[in-house]
Amino acid sequence: NNRLKLPRLATSAFSTTTKQMKNKVPDHQKLFQADNGLPVHIKGGTTDVLLYRLTMSITLAGTGYCLFWILCACQPKGK
């Protein structure tokens, strides 16, 4: 009995009409084009700010790590 319901559920889950889907592009355009003094990469809210800070932290840590190993490679070997 459950096997007969599965194809019906699968087709109804993936069949959406255009009336059910709302176009969110104009809302996002208003958000990102607003002149509120924020850079575009943090206009999305708290999540964007956290992702930006995490990315910058990883970038700075990686740069420092690379510079450390370049400095170590430049030092003469001790005998």
PDB file of N, CA and C in Angstrom:
ATOM      1  N   ASN A   1       0.833  -1.189   0.000  1.00  0.00           N
ATOM      2  CA  ASN A   1       0.000   0.000   0.000  1.00  0.00           C
ATOM      3  C   ASN A   1       0.879   1.255   0.000  1.00  0.00           C
ATOM      4  N   ASN A   2       1.936   1.233   0.805  1.00  0.00           N
ATOM      5  CA  ASN A   2       2.841   2.385   0.849  1.00  0.00           C
ATOM      6  C   ASN A   2       3.613   2.534  -0.448  1.00  0.00           C
ATOM      7  N   ARG A   3       3.859   1.431  -1.133  1.00  0.00           N
ATOM      8  CA  ARG A   3       4.583   1.492  -2.399  1.00  0.00           C
ATOM      9  C   ARG A   3       3.786   2.217  -3.465  1.00  0.00           C
ATOM     10  N   LEU A   4       2.496   2.148  -3.391  1.00  0.00           N
ATOM     11  CA  LEU A   4       1.658   2.829  -4.372  1.00  0.00           C
ATOM     12  C   LEU A   4       1.630   4.340  -4.140  1.00  0.00           C
ATOM     13  N   LYS A   5       1.817   4.757  -2.903  1.00  0.00           N
ATOM     14  CA  LYS A   5       1.777   6.185  -2.580  1.00  0.00           C
ATOM     15  C   LYS A   5       3.089   6.895  -2.915  1.00  0.00           C
ATOM     16  N   LEU A   6       4.200   6.162  -2.927  1.00  0.00           N
ATOM     17  CA  LEU A   6       5.512   6.775  -3.131  1.00  0.00           C
ATOM     18  C   LEU A   6       5.653   7.519  -4.455  1.00  0.00           C
ATOM     19  N   PRO A   7       5.281   6.952  -5.603  1.00  0.00           N
ATOM     20  CA  PRO A   7       5.414   7.722  -6.845  1.00  0.00           C
ATOM     21  C   PRO A   7       4.551   8.982  -6.847  1.00  0.00           C
ATOM     22  N   ARG A   8       3.377   8.900  -6.239  1.00  0.00           N
ATOM     23  CA  ARG A   8       2.493  10.061  -6.190  1.00  0.00           C
ATOM     24  C   ARG A   8       3.104  11.171  -5.328  1.00  0.00           C
ATOM     25  N   LEU A   9       3.724  10.776  -4.216  1.00  0.00           N
ATOM     26  CA  LEU A   9       4.363  11.770  -3.351  1.00  0.00           C
ATOM     27  C   LEU A   9       5.580  12.393  -4.026  1.00  0.00           C
ATOM     28  N   ALA A  10       6.335  11.583  -4.740  1.00  0.00           N
ATOM     29  CA  ALA A  10       7.530  12.092  -5.405  1.00  0.00           C
ATOM     30  C   ALA A  10       7.168  13.083  -6.498  1.00  0.00           C
ATOM     31  N   THR A  11       6.140  12.794  -7.269  1.00  0.00           N
ATOM     32  CA  THR A  11       5.765  13.721  -8.342  1.00  0.00           C
ATOM     33  C   THR A  11       5.132  14.984  -7.789  1.00  0.00           C
ATOM     34  N   SER A  12       4.383  14.884  -6.710  1.00  0.00           N
ATOM     35  CA  SER A  12       3.768  16.085  -6.162  1.00  0.00           C
ATOM     36  C   SER A  12       4.793  16.967  -5.455  1.00  0.00           C
ATOM     37  N   ALA A  13       5.880  16.378  -4.957  1.00  0.00           N
ATOM     38  CA  ALA A  13       6.901  17.162  -4.264  1.00  0.00           C
ATOM     39  C   ALA A  13       7.708  18.009  -5.239  1.00  0.00           C
ATOM     40  N   PHE A  14       7.856  17.540  -6.478  1.00  0.00           N
ATOM     41  CA  PHE A  14       8.688  18.248  -7.446  1.00  0.00           C
ATOM     42  C   PHE A  14       7.890  18.991  -8.496  1.00  0.00           C
ATOM     43  N   SER A  15       6.594  18.958  -8.432  1.00  0.00           N
ATOM     44  CA  SER A  15       5.793  19.685  -9.419  1.00  0.00           C
ATOM     45  C   SER A  15       5.295  20.980  -8.787  1.00  0.00           C
ATOM     46  N   THR A  16       5.949  22.068  -9.109  1.00  0.00           N
ATOM     47  CA  THR A  16       5.542  23.369  -8.597  1.00  0.00           C
ATOM     48  C   THR A  16       5.121  24.235  -9.770  1.00  0.00           C
ATOM     49  N   THR A  17       4.192  25.075  -9.523  1.00  0.00           N
ATOM     50  CA  THR A  17       3.750  25.988 -10.560  1.00  0.00           C
ATOM     51  C   THR A  17       4.424  27.330 -10.354  1.00  0.00           C
ATOM     52  N   THR A  18       4.350  28.169 -11.345  1.00  0.00           N
ATOM     53  CA  THR A  18       4.974  29.485 -11.224  1.00  0.00           C
ATOM     54  C   THR A  18       4.237  30.357 -10.223  1.00  0.00           C
ATOM     55  N   LYS A  19       2.992  30.050  -9.947  1.00  0.00           N
ATOM     56  CA  LYS A  19       2.250  30.830  -8.959  1.00  0.00           C
ATOM     57  C   LYS A  19       2.748  30.551  -7.550  1.00  0.00           C
ATOM     58  N   GLN A  20       3.276  29.352  -7.306  1.00  0.00           N
ATOM     59  CA  GLN A  20       3.761  29.008  -5.984  1.00  0.00           C
ATOM     60  C   GLN A  20       5.139  29.596  -5.709  1.00  0.00           C
ATOM     61  N   MET A  21       5.927  29.848  -6.739  1.00  0.00           N
ATOM     62  CA  MET A  21       7.276  30.369  -6.566  1.00  0.00           C
ATOM     63  C   MET A  21       7.265  31.889  -6.673  1.00  0.00           C
ATOM     64  N   LYS A  22       7.887  32.560  -5.696  1.00  0.00           N
ATOM     65  CA  LYS A  22       7.942  34.013  -5.693  1.00  0.00           C
ATOM     66  C   LYS A  22       9.325  34.456  -6.149  1.00  0.00           C
ATOM     67  N   ASN A  23       9.379  35.445  -7.007  1.00  0.00           N
ATOM     68  CA  ASN A  23      10.649  35.981  -7.489  1.00  0.00           C
ATOM     69  C   ASN A  23      11.239  36.877  -6.405  1.00  0.00           C
ATOM     70  N   LYS A  24      12.393  36.488  -5.879  1.00  0.00           N
ATOM     71  CA  LYS A  24      13.031  37.226  -4.795  1.00  0.00           C
ATOM     72  C   LYS A  24      14.087  38.206  -5.288  1.00  0.00           C
ATOM     73  N   VAL A  25      14.334  38.252  -6.572  1.00  0.00           N
ATOM     74  CA  VAL A  25      15.383  39.108  -7.123  1.00  0.00           C
ATOM     75  C   VAL A  25      15.117  40.590  -6.844  1.00  0.00           C
ATOM     76  N   PRO A  26      13.898  41.111  -7.060  1.00  0.00           N
ATOM     77  CA  PRO A  26      13.693  42.545  -6.767  1.00  0.00           C
ATOM     78  C   PRO A  26      13.935  42.909  -5.306  1.00  0.00           C
ATOM     79  N   ASP A  27      13.584  41.998  -4.392  1.00  0.00           N
ATOM     80  CA  ASP A  27      13.837  42.268  -2.970  1.00  0.00           C
ATOM     81  C   ASP A  27      15.331  42.351  -2.685  1.00  0.00           C
ATOM     82  N   HIS A  28      16.099  41.434  -3.271  1.00  0.00           N
ATOM     83  CA  HIS A  28      17.549  41.448  -3.069  1.00  0.00           C
ATOM     84  C   HIS A  28      18.191  42.660  -3.755  1.00  0.00           C
ATOM     85  N   GLN A  29      17.653  43.074  -4.885  1.00  0.00           N
ATOM     86  CA  GLN A  29      18.186  44.261  -5.552  1.00  0.00           C
ATOM     87  C   GLN A  29      17.996  45.494  -4.685  1.00  0.00           C
ATOM     88  N   LYS A  30      16.828  45.627  -4.064  1.00  0.00           N
ATOM     89  CA  LYS A  30      16.586  46.766  -3.174  1.00  0.00           C
ATOM     90  C   LYS A  30      17.549  46.741  -1.994  1.00  0.00           C
ATOM     91  N   LEU A  31      17.792  45.558  -1.453  1.00  0.00           N
ATOM     92  CA  LEU A  31      18.685  45.426  -0.305  1.00  0.00           C
ATOM     93  C   LEU A  31      20.115  45.807  -0.656  1.00  0.00           C
ATOM     94  N   PHE A  32      20.620  45.286  -1.772  1.00  0.00           N
ATOM     95  CA  PHE A  32      22.027  45.497  -2.112  1.00  0.00           C
ATOM     96  C   PHE A  32      22.291  46.835  -2.788  1.00  0.00           C
ATOM     97  N   GLN A  33      21.267  47.471  -3.346  1.00  0.00           N
ATOM     98  CA  GLN A  33      21.465  48.768  -3.984  1.00  0.00           C
ATOM     99  C   GLN A  33      21.129  49.934  -3.070  1.00  0.00           C
ATOM    100  N   ALA A  34      20.703  49.661  -1.848  1.00  0.00           N
ATOM    101  CA  ALA A  34      20.384  50.726  -0.901  1.00  0.00           C
ATOM    102  C   ALA A  34      21.656  51.483  -0.535  1.00  0.00           C
ATOM    103  N   ASP A  35      21.541  52.811  -0.441  1.00  0.00           N
ATOM    104  CA  ASP A  35      22.684  53.645  -0.104  1.00  0.00           C
ATOM    105  C   ASP A  35      22.728  53.849   1.412  1.00  0.00           C
ATOM    106  N   ASN A  36      23.254  52.856   2.124  1.00  0.00           N
ATOM    107  CA  ASN A  36      23.324  52.937   3.579  1.00  0.00           C
ATOM    108  C   ASN A  36      24.762  52.999   4.099  1.00  0.00           C
ATOM    109  N   GLY A  37      25.717  53.205   3.203  1.00  0.00           N
ATOM    110  CA  GLY A  37      27.101  53.379   3.607  1.00  0.00           C
ATOM    111  C   GLY A  37      27.868  52.095   3.870  1.00  0.00           C
ATOM    112  N   LEU A  38      27.236  50.958   3.698  1.00  0.00           N
ATOM    113  CA  LEU A  38      27.924  49.686   3.922  1.00  0.00           C
ATOM    114  C   LEU A  38      28.507  49.162   2.621  1.00  0.00           C
ATOM    115  N   PRO A  39      29.650  48.482   2.686  1.00  0.00           N
ATOM    116  CA  PRO A  39      30.167  47.825   1.486  1.00  0.00           C
ATOM    117  C   PRO A  39      29.237  46.686   1.077  1.00  0.00           C
ATOM    118  N   VAL A  40      29.256  46.346  -0.190  1.00  0.00           N
ATOM    119  CA  VAL A  40      28.304  45.365  -0.706  1.00  0.00           C
ATOM    120  C   VAL A  40      28.523  43.984  -0.102  1.00  0.00           C
ATOM    121  N   HIS A  41      29.745  43.661   0.317  1.00  0.00           N
ATOM    122  CA  HIS A  41      30.000  42.323   0.841  1.00  0.00           C
ATOM    123  C   HIS A  41      29.492  42.117   2.253  1.00  0.00           C
ATOM    124  N   ILE A  42      28.999  43.162   2.940  1.00  0.00           N
ATOM    125  CA  ILE A  42      28.409  42.964   4.264  1.00  0.00           C
ATOM    126  C   ILE A  42      26.979  43.494   4.349  1.00  0.00           C
ATOM    127  N   LYS A  43      26.360  43.793   3.222  1.00  0.00           N
ATOM    128  CA  LYS A  43      24.987  44.274   3.240  1.00  0.00           C
ATOM    129  C   LYS A  43      23.973  43.179   3.536  1.00  0.00           C
ATOM    130  N   GLY A  44      24.386  41.924   3.445  1.00  0.00           N
ATOM    131  CA  GLY A  44      23.469  40.818   3.656  1.00  0.00           C
ATOM    132  C   GLY A  44      23.098  40.569   5.107  1.00  0.00           C
ATOM    133  N   GLY A  45      23.798  41.183   6.039  1.00  0.00           N
ATOM    134  CA  GLY A  45      23.459  41.013   7.443  1.00  0.00           C
ATOM    135  C   GLY A  45      24.576  40.367   8.246  1.00  0.00           C
ATOM    136  N   THR A  46      24.191  39.804   9.378  1.00  0.00           N
ATOM    137  CA  THR A  46      25.145  39.245  10.326  1.00  0.00           C
ATOM    138  C   THR A  46      25.929  38.079   9.733  1.00  0.00           C
ATOM    139  N   THR A  47      25.258  37.232   8.968  1.00  0.00           N
ATOM    140  CA  THR A  47      25.942  36.082   8.375  1.00  0.00           C
ATOM    141  C   THR A  47      27.044  36.539   7.435  1.00  0.00           C
ATOM    142  N   ASP A  48      26.777  37.556   6.627  1.00  0.00           N
ATOM    143  CA  ASP A  48      27.791  38.061   5.710  1.00  0.00           C
ATOM    144  C   ASP A  48      28.975  38.664   6.472  1.00  0.00           C
ATOM    145  N   VAL A  49      28.704  39.365   7.554  1.00  0.00           N
ATOM    146  CA  VAL A  49      29.774  39.963   8.348  1.00  0.00           C
ATOM    147  C   VAL A  49      30.649  38.868   8.959  1.00  0.00           C
ATOM    148  N   LEU A  50      30.008  37.818   9.496  1.00  0.00           N
ATOM    149  CA  LEU A  50      30.777  36.725  10.085  1.00  0.00           C
ATOM    150  C   LEU A  50      31.602  35.990   9.037  1.00  0.00           C
ATOM    151  N   LEU A  51      31.031  35.732   7.874  1.00  0.00           N
ATOM    152  CA  LEU A  51      31.782  35.071   6.809  1.00  0.00           C
ATOM    153  C   LEU A  51      32.944  35.929   6.326  1.00  0.00           C
ATOM    154  N   TYR A  52      32.728  37.246   6.237  1.00  0.00           N
ATOM    155  CA  TYR A  52      33.793  38.157   5.825  1.00  0.00           C
ATOM    156  C   TYR A  52      34.944  38.133   6.829  1.00  0.00           C
ATOM    157  N   ARG A  53      34.604  38.213   8.115  1.00  0.00           N
ATOM    158  CA  ARG A  53      35.645  38.225   9.146  1.00  0.00           C
ATOM    159  C   ARG A  53      36.384  36.893   9.209  1.00  0.00           C
ATOM    160  N   LEU A  54      35.666  35.791   9.049  1.00  0.00           N
ATOM    161  CA  LEU A  54      36.307  34.483   9.034  1.00  0.00           C
ATOM    162  C   LEU A  54      37.259  34.360   7.854  1.00  0.00           C
ATOM    163  N   THR A  55      36.823  34.818   6.691  1.00  0.00           N
ATOM    164  CA  THR A  55      37.661  34.762   5.500  1.00  0.00           C
ATOM    165  C   THR A  55      38.911  35.615   5.669  1.00  0.00           C
ATOM    166  N   MET A  56      38.762  36.810   6.198  1.00  0.00           N
ATOM    167  CA  MET A  56      39.922  37.676   6.411  1.00  0.00           C
ATOM    168  C   MET A  56      40.869  37.093   7.453  1.00  0.00           C
ATOM    169  N   SER A  57      40.334  36.471   8.494  1.00  0.00           N
ATOM    170  CA  SER A  57      41.181  35.856   9.516  1.00  0.00           C
ATOM    171  C   SER A  57      41.988  34.700   8.932  1.00  0.00           C
ATOM    172  N   ILE A  58      41.339  33.852   8.160  1.00  0.00           N
ATOM    173  CA  ILE A  58      42.041  32.729   7.538  1.00  0.00           C
ATOM    174  C   ILE A  58      43.101  33.236   6.560  1.00  0.00           C
ATOM    175  N   THR A  59      42.779  34.283   5.812  1.00  0.00           N
ATOM    176  CA  THR A  59      43.730  34.846   4.858  1.00  0.00           C
ATOM    177  C   THR A  59      44.959  35.411   5.569  1.00  0.00           C
ATOM    178  N   LEU A  60      44.739  36.165   6.627  1.00  0.00           N
ATOM    179  CA  LEU A  60      45.866  36.746   7.363  1.00  0.00           C
ATOM    180  C   LEU A  60      46.701  35.672   8.053  1.00  0.00           C
ATOM    181  N   ALA A  61      46.048  34.668   8.609  1.00  0.00           N
ATOM    182  CA  ALA A  61      46.787  33.581   9.254  1.00  0.00           C
ATOM    183  C   ALA A  61      47.616  32.812   8.224  1.00  0.00           C
ATOM    184  N   GLY A  62      47.060  32.552   7.067  1.00  0.00           N
ATOM    185  CA  GLY A  62      47.791  31.849   6.014  1.00  0.00           C
ATOM    186  C   GLY A  62      48.963  32.661   5.498  1.00  0.00           C
ATOM    187  N   THR A  63      48.767  33.962   5.353  1.00  0.00           N
ATOM    188  CA  THR A  63      49.857  34.827   4.910  1.00  0.00           C
ATOM    189  C   THR A  63      50.982  34.848   5.929  1.00  0.00           C
ATOM    190  N   GLY A  64      50.635  34.965   7.204  1.00  0.00           N
ATOM    191  CA  GLY A  64      51.651  34.938   8.258  1.00  0.00           C
ATOM    192  C   GLY A  64      52.398  33.617   8.303  1.00  0.00           C
ATOM    193  N   TYR A  65      51.683  32.517   8.116  1.00  0.00           N
ATOM    194  CA  TYR A  65      52.308  31.189   8.111  1.00  0.00           C
ATOM    195  C   TYR A  65      53.276  31.051   6.942  1.00  0.00           C
ATOM    196  N   CYS A  66      52.876  31.535   5.776  1.00  0.00           N
ATOM    197  CA  CYS A  66      53.768  31.482   4.608  1.00  0.00           C
ATOM    198  C   CYS A  66      55.015  32.336   4.828  1.00  0.00           C
ATOM    199  N   LEU A  67      54.828  33.527   5.360  1.00  0.00           N
ATOM    200  CA  LEU A  67      55.975  34.397   5.621  1.00  0.00           C
ATOM    201  C   LEU A  67      56.916  33.788   6.655  1.00  0.00           C
ATOM    202  N   PHE A  68      56.375  33.127   7.657  1.00  0.00           N
ATOM    203  CA  PHE A  68      57.205  32.456   8.660  1.00  0.00           C
ATOM    204  C   PHE A  68      58.089  31.401   8.011  1.00  0.00           C
ATOM    205  N   TRP A  69      57.526  30.570   7.145  1.00  0.00           N
ATOM    206  CA  TRP A  69      58.309  29.509   6.523  1.00  0.00           C
ATOM    207  C   TRP A  69      59.276  30.045   5.479  1.00  0.00           C
ATOM    208  N   ILE A  70      58.940  31.138   4.857  1.00  0.00           N
ATOM    209  CA  ILE A  70      59.904  31.770   3.940  1.00  0.00           C
ATOM    210  C   ILE A  70      61.088  32.310   4.724  1.00  0.00           C
ATOM    211  N   LEU A  71      60.806  32.909   5.886  1.00  0.00           N
ATOM    212  CA  LEU A  71      61.881  33.402   6.746  1.00  0.00           C
ATOM    213  C   LEU A  71      62.751  32.250   7.237  1.00  0.00           C
ATOM    214  N   CYS A  72      62.137  31.152   7.629  1.00  0.00           N
ATOM    215  CA  CYS A  72      62.911  29.984   8.073  1.00  0.00           C
ATOM    216  C   CYS A  72      63.767  29.418   6.932  1.00  0.00           C
ATOM    217  N   ALA A  73      63.250  29.450   5.711  1.00  0.00           N
ATOM    218  CA  ALA A  73      64.010  28.906   4.581  1.00  0.00           C
ATOM    219  C   ALA A  73      65.181  29.808   4.223  1.00  0.00           C
ATOM    220  N   CYS A  74      65.069  31.093   4.533  1.00  0.00           N
ATOM    221  CA  CYS A  74      66.143  32.040   4.194  1.00  0.00           C
ATOM    222  C   CYS A  74      67.307  31.992   5.190  1.00  0.00           C
ATOM    223  N   GLN A  75      67.095  31.443   6.359  1.00  0.00           N
ATOM    224  CA  GLN A  75      68.145  31.410   7.382  1.00  0.00           C
ATOM    225  C   GLN A  75      69.204  30.377   7.008  1.00  0.00           C
ATOM    226  N   PRO A  76      70.465  30.691   7.273  1.00  0.00           N
ATOM    227  CA  PRO A  76      71.539  29.716   6.966  1.00  0.00           C
ATOM    228  C   PRO A  76      71.448  28.531   7.937  1.00  0.00           C
ATOM    229  N   LYS A  77      71.864  27.398   7.450  1.00  0.00           N
ATOM    230  CA  LYS A  77      71.856  26.189   8.269  1.00  0.00           C
ATOM    231  C   LYS A  77      72.990  26.259   9.285  1.00  0.00           C
ATOM    232  N   GLY A  78      72.716  25.871  10.517  1.00  0.00           N
ATOM    233  CA  GLY A  78      73.741  25.843  11.556  1.00  0.00           C
ATOM    234  C   GLY A  78      74.562  24.554  11.477  1.00  0.00           C
ATOM    235  N   LYS A  79      75.861  24.666  11.786  1.00  0.00           N
ATOM    236  CA  LYS A  79      76.717  23.473  11.730  1.00  0.00           C
ATOM    237  C   LYS A  79      77.083  23.002  13.105  1.00  0.00           C
TER     238      LYS A  79
END
